[in-house]
Amino acid sequence: MKPLIPMFYFPLKILFVDDDNDLLESYHHLDLSNNIATESDPYKAIEALTQNHVGMIKIFDDITDEQNIDALTTDNESVVKFTFKNIQTFMNNDDKYNKYGIVVVDYKMPEMNGIELCNQINSKIDIIKILLTGEYKPLDALTAVNENRVDNYIPKGKPTTFNDLVITINALQLKYFINATKNYCGLLENKFDFLFDTAFAELINSSITNYNIVEYYLLSNTGSFLMKNKTDSFIINTYTDKDLDVFCDMYEHIDHSLLDKVKSRQLIPNFKIPKNIQISDYFYPATKFGQYYYHLSKIEDTQFLQGVI
C-alpha cells in the first residue's frame, strides 16, 4: 500500500536535452517551480546527470555500532534510527535544488536518440525520465515506458504539449516522493499511518492548492508540516483526539486555562513548544476536519521558525 502524502516534497532540478536550441530556450518559460537547465549535447547531458543527481535522501542515522539503541529499525545488515532532525537538516540545505531529479529528452537527435540516452543513465542513476517525440503514437517510446526504461512520453508539436509536460512533470515528481516515502515507512513499520489516510490527504492537498504550495516537509509524528510557496512559509499543525489527550497528560503542569481549552478542543498546540518563551503564543484556534484538528499559520517571523525547528 502506498502513502497518499509523501513525508517531503520539493521541486527537483530538470535537465532538458534537445538538439533544437530555440526549443530549449522555450523550456525556461514553463510554469514550474523547478530549477531548469538545458543541454544540446547528449553526451554532456549524461555526464551532468550522473555527476550531479539527487540520489538517496538520507533521513536515517546508522547506529549499528552504538551501545545504547532506542527507537530503532533494522534492515538485517545495519541498525538505523529515524529522527525528524534529519528531515529538517535536509529541508534547510538549498543544495538539493541544484541536483538533477528529472530529465526530459527529445527522441530524435542526430548523435543519440532519447531512448538510448535513458538506457545509458538507467545503469548508473535513478531519476525521472520523460521522452518527447514528434510522432503521435511512437511504438519505441511506448515499449520503453512498458519496460520501465522511461517513465512517460509526450508528443511534441501539439497545442497542449507544454501544458501536458507541466502536468506530467508534477505528477511524476509527486510519484517519486510517494515511492520514497513508501520505502521509508516500510523501515518505520508504518509509524505514520496518517500519511495513508484519505481524510488527512484531503486536508493536506486542500492546503497545498489553496496556498500554492510547492514544497513541504513532515515535522512531527502527529502530521504537522512546514509548507512553502514561492514567497512565504507556513506551518500546519494537525492532531487527533488521541494526540491531544497525550499532550494534555504530558503538559499537565502548564497554565490550566490553556490546557482546558486543549481538552475542549478549542485550541491546539504548536508541534513543538520552545522553552523559556511566552507559551500562550504557541497555541492556536482548532478547526475540525474529519478526525483531525488543525491550524495553518503563515510564518511572519523567521526567528520563530528558528526557535521551533
Protein backbone atom coordinates (compact mmCIF):
# COMPACT_ATOMS: atom_id res chain seq x y z
CA MET A 1 0.00 0.00 0.00
CA LYS A 2 1.36 3.39 -0.98
CA PRO A 3 1.06 6.54 1.14
CA LEU A 4 -1.22 9.27 -0.17
CA ILE A 5 1.01 12.09 1.06
CA PRO A 6 4.85 11.98 0.98
CA MET A 7 6.98 12.81 4.02
CA PHE A 8 8.60 15.58 2.00
CA TYR A 9 8.27 17.12 -1.43
CA PHE A 10 10.30 19.74 -3.26
CA PRO A 11 10.87 20.79 -6.90
CA LEU A 12 13.57 18.62 -8.47
CA LYS A 13 16.04 20.17 -10.90
CA ILE A 14 15.21 19.36 -14.53
CA LEU A 15 17.57 18.88 -17.45
CA PHE A 16 16.05 19.31 -20.93
CA VAL A 17 18.02 17.63 -23.72
CA ASP A 18 17.31 18.52 -27.36
CA ASP A 19 19.31 19.46 -30.46
CA ASP A 20 16.89 22.35 -31.13
CA ASN A 21 18.32 25.35 -29.23
CA ASP A 22 15.24 27.51 -29.81
CA LEU A 23 13.08 24.84 -28.23
CA LEU A 24 15.48 24.51 -25.31
CA GLU A 25 15.16 28.24 -24.64
CA SER A 26 11.36 27.97 -24.53
CA TYR A 27 11.50 25.44 -21.68
CA HIS A 28 12.75 28.16 -19.34
CA HIS A 29 9.29 29.74 -19.59
CA LEU A 30 7.30 26.72 -18.39
CA ASP A 31 5.02 27.28 -15.40
CA LEU A 32 7.20 25.30 -13.00
CA SER A 33 8.97 25.99 -9.69
CA ASN A 34 11.86 23.68 -10.62
CA ASN A 35 15.35 24.85 -11.48
CA ILE A 36 15.78 24.25 -15.21
CA ALA A 37 18.93 23.56 -17.21
CA THR A 38 19.30 22.70 -20.89
CA GLU A 39 21.80 20.75 -22.96
CA SER A 40 22.05 20.08 -26.71
CA ASP A 41 24.85 17.51 -26.45
CA PRO A 42 23.54 14.13 -25.19
CA TYR A 43 26.99 13.01 -24.01
CA LYS A 44 27.42 16.14 -21.90
CA ALA A 45 23.88 15.57 -20.60
CA ILE A 46 24.75 12.05 -19.42
CA GLU A 47 27.85 13.38 -17.69
CA ALA A 48 25.92 16.17 -15.96
CA LEU A 49 23.16 13.83 -14.78
CA THR A 50 25.46 11.11 -13.45
CA GLN A 51 27.73 13.55 -11.63
CA ASN A 52 25.04 15.70 -10.02
CA HIS A 53 21.80 13.87 -9.24
CA VAL A 54 19.58 13.75 -6.16
CA GLY A 55 20.31 10.15 -5.13
CA MET A 56 19.06 8.59 -1.91
CA ILE A 57 17.72 11.16 0.55
CA LYS A 58 19.19 10.43 3.99
CA ILE A 59 16.66 10.54 6.81
CA PHE A 60 18.10 7.71 8.93
CA ASP A 61 21.18 7.58 11.15
CA ASP A 62 23.25 4.40 11.14
CA ILE A 63 23.65 3.44 14.82
CA THR A 64 24.85 -0.12 14.32
CA ASP A 65 27.94 0.43 16.45
CA GLU A 66 26.22 2.34 19.26
CA GLN A 67 25.76 0.55 22.60
CA ASN A 68 22.55 2.31 23.61
CA ILE A 69 19.97 1.59 20.94
CA ASP A 70 16.47 3.04 21.22
CA ALA A 71 13.58 3.54 18.76
CA LEU A 72 15.42 1.72 16.01
CA THR A 73 14.72 -0.27 12.89
CA THR A 74 16.94 -2.91 11.33
CA ASP A 75 17.33 -3.94 7.71
CA ASN A 76 19.24 -7.12 8.68
CA GLU A 77 22.54 -5.50 7.70
CA SER A 78 22.63 -2.38 9.82
CA VAL A 79 20.66 -0.68 12.56
CA VAL A 80 19.15 2.69 11.70
CA LYS A 81 17.36 5.35 13.71
CA PHE A 82 14.85 7.85 12.39
CA THR A 83 14.84 11.43 13.60
CA PHE A 84 12.94 14.47 12.38
CA LYS A 85 16.18 16.41 12.71
CA ASN A 86 17.43 14.69 9.55
CA ILE A 87 14.40 15.92 7.59
CA GLN A 88 14.89 19.42 8.99
CA THR A 89 18.59 19.38 8.06
CA PHE A 90 17.71 18.30 4.54
CA MET A 91 14.94 20.90 4.37
CA ASN A 92 17.40 23.70 5.18
CA ASN A 93 20.01 22.51 2.64
CA ASP A 94 19.49 24.56 -0.52
CA ASP A 95 21.95 22.39 -2.42
CA LYS A 96 19.13 19.94 -3.10
CA TYR A 97 17.60 22.35 -5.63
CA ASN A 98 20.72 22.08 -7.77
CA LYS A 99 20.79 18.29 -8.09
CA TYR A 100 19.04 16.70 -11.05
CA GLY A 101 15.98 14.59 -10.42
CA ILE A 102 14.28 14.79 -13.82
CA VAL A 103 15.48 14.58 -17.41
CA VAL A 104 13.24 15.48 -20.38
CA VAL A 105 14.84 14.28 -23.58
CA ASP A 106 13.94 14.53 -27.26
CA TYR A 107 13.51 11.19 -29.00
CA LYS A 108 15.10 12.14 -32.32
CA MET A 109 18.60 13.62 -32.05
CA PRO A 110 21.49 13.21 -34.52
CA GLU A 111 24.11 11.72 -32.18
CA MET A 112 21.93 9.61 -29.89
CA ASN A 113 18.18 9.17 -29.61
CA GLY A 114 16.34 9.80 -26.37
CA ILE A 115 15.77 6.16 -25.52
CA GLU A 116 19.47 5.40 -25.94
CA LEU A 117 20.28 8.25 -23.54
CA CYS A 118 17.82 6.89 -20.98
CA ASN A 119 19.27 3.40 -21.37
CA GLN A 120 22.74 4.73 -20.56
CA ILE A 121 21.71 6.60 -17.41
CA ASN A 122 19.47 3.76 -16.20
CA SER A 123 22.54 1.68 -15.41
CA LYS A 124 24.01 4.49 -13.32
CA ILE A 125 21.30 6.55 -11.60
CA ASP A 126 17.62 6.50 -10.72
CA ILE A 127 15.83 9.67 -11.84
CA ILE A 128 12.58 10.58 -13.58
CA LYS A 129 12.84 10.23 -17.38
CA ILE A 130 10.37 11.82 -19.82
CA LEU A 131 10.63 11.30 -23.57
CA LEU A 132 9.47 13.90 -26.12
CA THR A 133 8.59 12.52 -29.54
CA GLY A 134 7.33 14.04 -32.76
CA GLU A 135 5.17 11.02 -33.52
CA TYR A 136 1.69 10.69 -32.08
CA LYS A 137 1.95 7.01 -31.06
CA PRO A 138 5.61 6.03 -31.21
CA LEU A 139 5.93 2.30 -30.73
CA ASP A 140 9.51 2.58 -29.48
CA ALA A 141 8.54 5.13 -26.83
CA LEU A 142 5.56 3.05 -25.68
CA THR A 143 7.75 -0.04 -25.44
CA ALA A 144 10.33 1.89 -23.40
CA VAL A 145 7.60 3.01 -20.98
CA ASN A 146 6.25 -0.53 -20.64
CA GLU A 147 9.75 -1.82 -19.94
CA ASN A 148 10.32 0.92 -17.31
CA ARG A 149 13.21 2.42 -19.26
CA VAL A 150 11.39 5.77 -19.33
CA ASP A 151 8.60 6.98 -17.05
CA ASN A 152 6.40 8.62 -19.66
CA TYR A 153 6.39 10.12 -23.15
CA ILE A 154 4.72 13.22 -24.59
CA PRO A 155 4.11 14.00 -28.28
CA LYS A 156 5.84 17.18 -29.47
CA GLY A 157 4.28 19.86 -31.62
CA LYS A 158 0.74 19.70 -30.25
CA PRO A 159 -1.06 22.81 -28.92
CA THR A 160 -1.17 21.15 -25.49
CA THR A 161 2.43 19.88 -25.43
CA PHE A 162 3.77 22.41 -22.90
CA ASN A 163 0.72 22.06 -20.64
CA ASP A 164 0.93 18.27 -20.86
CA LEU A 165 4.61 18.50 -19.98
CA VAL A 166 3.94 20.56 -16.83
CA ILE A 167 1.18 18.18 -15.71
CA THR A 168 3.36 15.13 -16.35
CA ILE A 169 6.37 16.58 -14.52
CA ASN A 170 4.28 17.45 -11.45
CA ALA A 171 2.58 14.04 -11.42
CA LEU A 172 5.81 12.06 -11.77
CA GLN A 173 7.54 14.24 -9.20
CA LEU A 174 4.80 13.50 -6.66
CA LYS A 175 5.01 9.80 -7.51
CA TYR A 176 8.78 9.91 -6.96
CA PHE A 177 8.42 11.24 -3.41
CA ILE A 178 5.50 8.94 -2.61
CA ASN A 179 7.58 5.92 -3.62
CA ALA A 180 10.47 7.18 -1.47
CA THR A 181 8.08 7.60 1.47
CA LYS A 182 6.73 4.09 0.93
CA ASN A 183 10.24 2.71 1.32
CA TYR A 184 10.89 4.77 4.45
CA CYS A 185 7.55 3.80 6.00
CA GLY A 186 8.42 0.16 5.41
CA LEU A 187 11.50 0.58 7.57
CA LEU A 188 9.48 2.51 10.14
CA GLU A 189 6.81 -0.20 10.29
CA ASN A 190 4.08 2.25 9.20
CA LYS A 191 4.74 4.62 12.09
CA PHE A 192 2.98 7.43 10.21
CA ASP A 193 -0.41 5.92 9.47
CA PHE A 194 -1.94 9.33 8.78
CA LEU A 195 0.04 9.50 5.52
CA PHE A 196 -2.16 6.65 4.26
CA ASP A 197 -5.43 8.21 5.45
CA THR A 198 -7.83 9.66 2.86
CA ALA A 199 -9.15 12.44 5.10
CA PHE A 200 -5.64 13.53 6.06
CA ALA A 201 -4.61 13.56 2.40
CA GLU A 202 -7.64 15.69 1.56
CA LEU A 203 -6.72 18.16 4.31
CA ILE A 204 -3.09 18.48 3.20
CA ASN A 205 -3.92 18.62 -0.51
CA SER A 206 -6.51 21.35 0.03
CA SER A 207 -3.88 23.41 1.85
CA ILE A 208 -1.40 22.79 -0.99
CA THR A 209 -3.97 24.00 -3.53
CA ASN A 210 -5.25 26.99 -1.54
CA TYR A 211 -1.80 28.36 -0.75
CA ASN A 212 0.00 27.38 -3.99
CA ILE A 213 2.45 25.23 -2.03
CA VAL A 214 5.49 23.99 -3.99
CA GLU A 215 7.35 22.13 -1.24
CA TYR A 216 6.62 20.66 2.19
CA TYR A 217 8.24 18.62 4.96
CA LEU A 218 6.87 16.45 7.76
CA LEU A 219 7.80 17.89 11.16
CA SER A 220 6.13 15.66 13.74
CA ASN A 221 4.62 12.25 14.36
CA THR A 222 1.16 13.83 14.56
CA GLY A 223 1.29 15.06 10.95
CA SER A 224 2.45 18.68 11.20
CA PHE A 225 4.15 20.04 8.07
CA LEU A 226 6.25 23.00 7.11
CA MET A 227 4.96 24.27 3.75
CA LYS A 228 6.41 26.79 1.31
CA ASN A 229 5.15 28.57 -1.75
CA LYS A 230 7.27 30.89 -3.92
CA THR A 231 7.18 33.74 -1.37
CA ASP A 232 6.01 32.54 2.05
CA SER A 233 6.36 29.75 4.62
CA PHE A 234 3.56 28.15 6.64
CA ILE A 235 3.14 25.58 9.38
CA ILE A 236 0.10 23.35 9.51
CA ASN A 237 -0.30 21.67 12.89
CA THR A 238 -2.53 18.58 12.95
CA TYR A 239 -3.72 16.36 15.78
CA THR A 240 -6.24 13.61 16.52
CA ASP A 241 -8.13 13.26 19.79
CA LYS A 242 -5.59 10.66 20.90
CA ASP A 243 -2.70 13.03 20.14
CA LEU A 244 -4.27 15.85 22.14
CA ASP A 245 -5.02 13.55 25.09
CA VAL A 246 -1.36 12.53 25.12
CA PHE A 247 -0.32 16.20 25.01
CA CYS A 248 -2.57 17.06 27.95
CA ASP A 249 -1.06 14.23 30.01
CA MET A 250 2.49 15.31 29.18
CA TYR A 251 1.91 19.03 29.79
CA GLU A 252 -0.39 18.90 32.81
CA HIS A 253 1.93 21.41 34.55
CA ILE A 254 1.21 24.30 32.14
CA ASP A 255 -1.35 27.06 32.56
CA HIS A 256 -4.68 25.32 33.23
CA SER A 257 -6.62 27.89 31.23
CA LEU A 258 -4.65 26.81 28.14
CA LEU A 259 -4.83 23.14 28.99
CA ASP A 260 -8.60 23.28 29.49
CA LYS A 261 -9.01 24.80 26.03
CA VAL A 262 -6.94 21.99 24.54
CA LYS A 263 -9.08 19.44 26.39
CA SER A 264 -12.22 21.07 25.00
CA ARG A 265 -10.58 21.17 21.54
CA GLN A 266 -10.81 24.96 21.29
CA LEU A 267 -7.03 25.22 20.94
CA ILE A 268 -4.24 23.03 19.65
CA PRO A 269 -0.53 23.45 20.43
CA ASN A 270 2.31 24.03 18.03
CA PHE A 271 4.04 20.76 17.11
CA LYS A 272 6.98 21.90 19.24
CA ILE A 273 6.98 24.39 22.11
CA PRO A 274 10.34 26.06 22.79
CA LYS A 275 11.49 26.57 26.35
CA ASN A 276 11.63 29.93 28.12
CA ILE A 277 9.06 31.63 25.93
CA GLN A 278 5.55 33.03 26.26
CA ILE A 279 3.84 29.67 25.96
CA SER A 280 0.42 31.07 25.03
CA ASP A 281 1.92 32.25 21.69
CA TYR A 282 2.23 28.63 20.63
CA PHE A 283 -1.45 27.68 20.87
CA TYR A 284 -3.89 28.21 18.01
CA PRO A 285 -7.64 28.01 17.35
CA ALA A 286 -8.56 24.49 16.29
CA THR A 287 -10.53 23.66 13.15
CA LYS A 288 -12.10 20.21 12.86
CA PHE A 289 -11.67 18.20 9.65
CA GLY A 290 -12.82 14.59 9.93
CA GLN A 291 -10.90 13.07 12.82
CA TYR A 292 -8.26 15.82 12.69
CA TYR A 293 -7.89 19.16 14.44
CA TYR A 294 -5.66 21.57 12.55
CA HIS A 295 -4.43 25.12 12.23
CA LEU A 296 -2.43 26.60 9.35
CA SER A 297 -0.47 29.76 10.05
CA LYS A 298 1.85 31.89 7.97
CA ILE A 299 5.30 32.31 9.48
CA GLU A 300 5.80 36.05 9.69
CA ASP A 301 8.99 35.96 11.76
CA THR A 302 11.99 33.86 10.69
CA GLN A 303 13.16 33.85 14.30
CA PHE A 304 10.01 31.93 15.14
CA LEU A 305 10.98 29.27 12.63
CA GLN A 306 14.49 29.04 14.04
CA GLY A 307 13.07 28.71 17.54
CA VAL A 308 10.91 25.69 16.85
CA ILE A 309 12.88 23.83 14.16
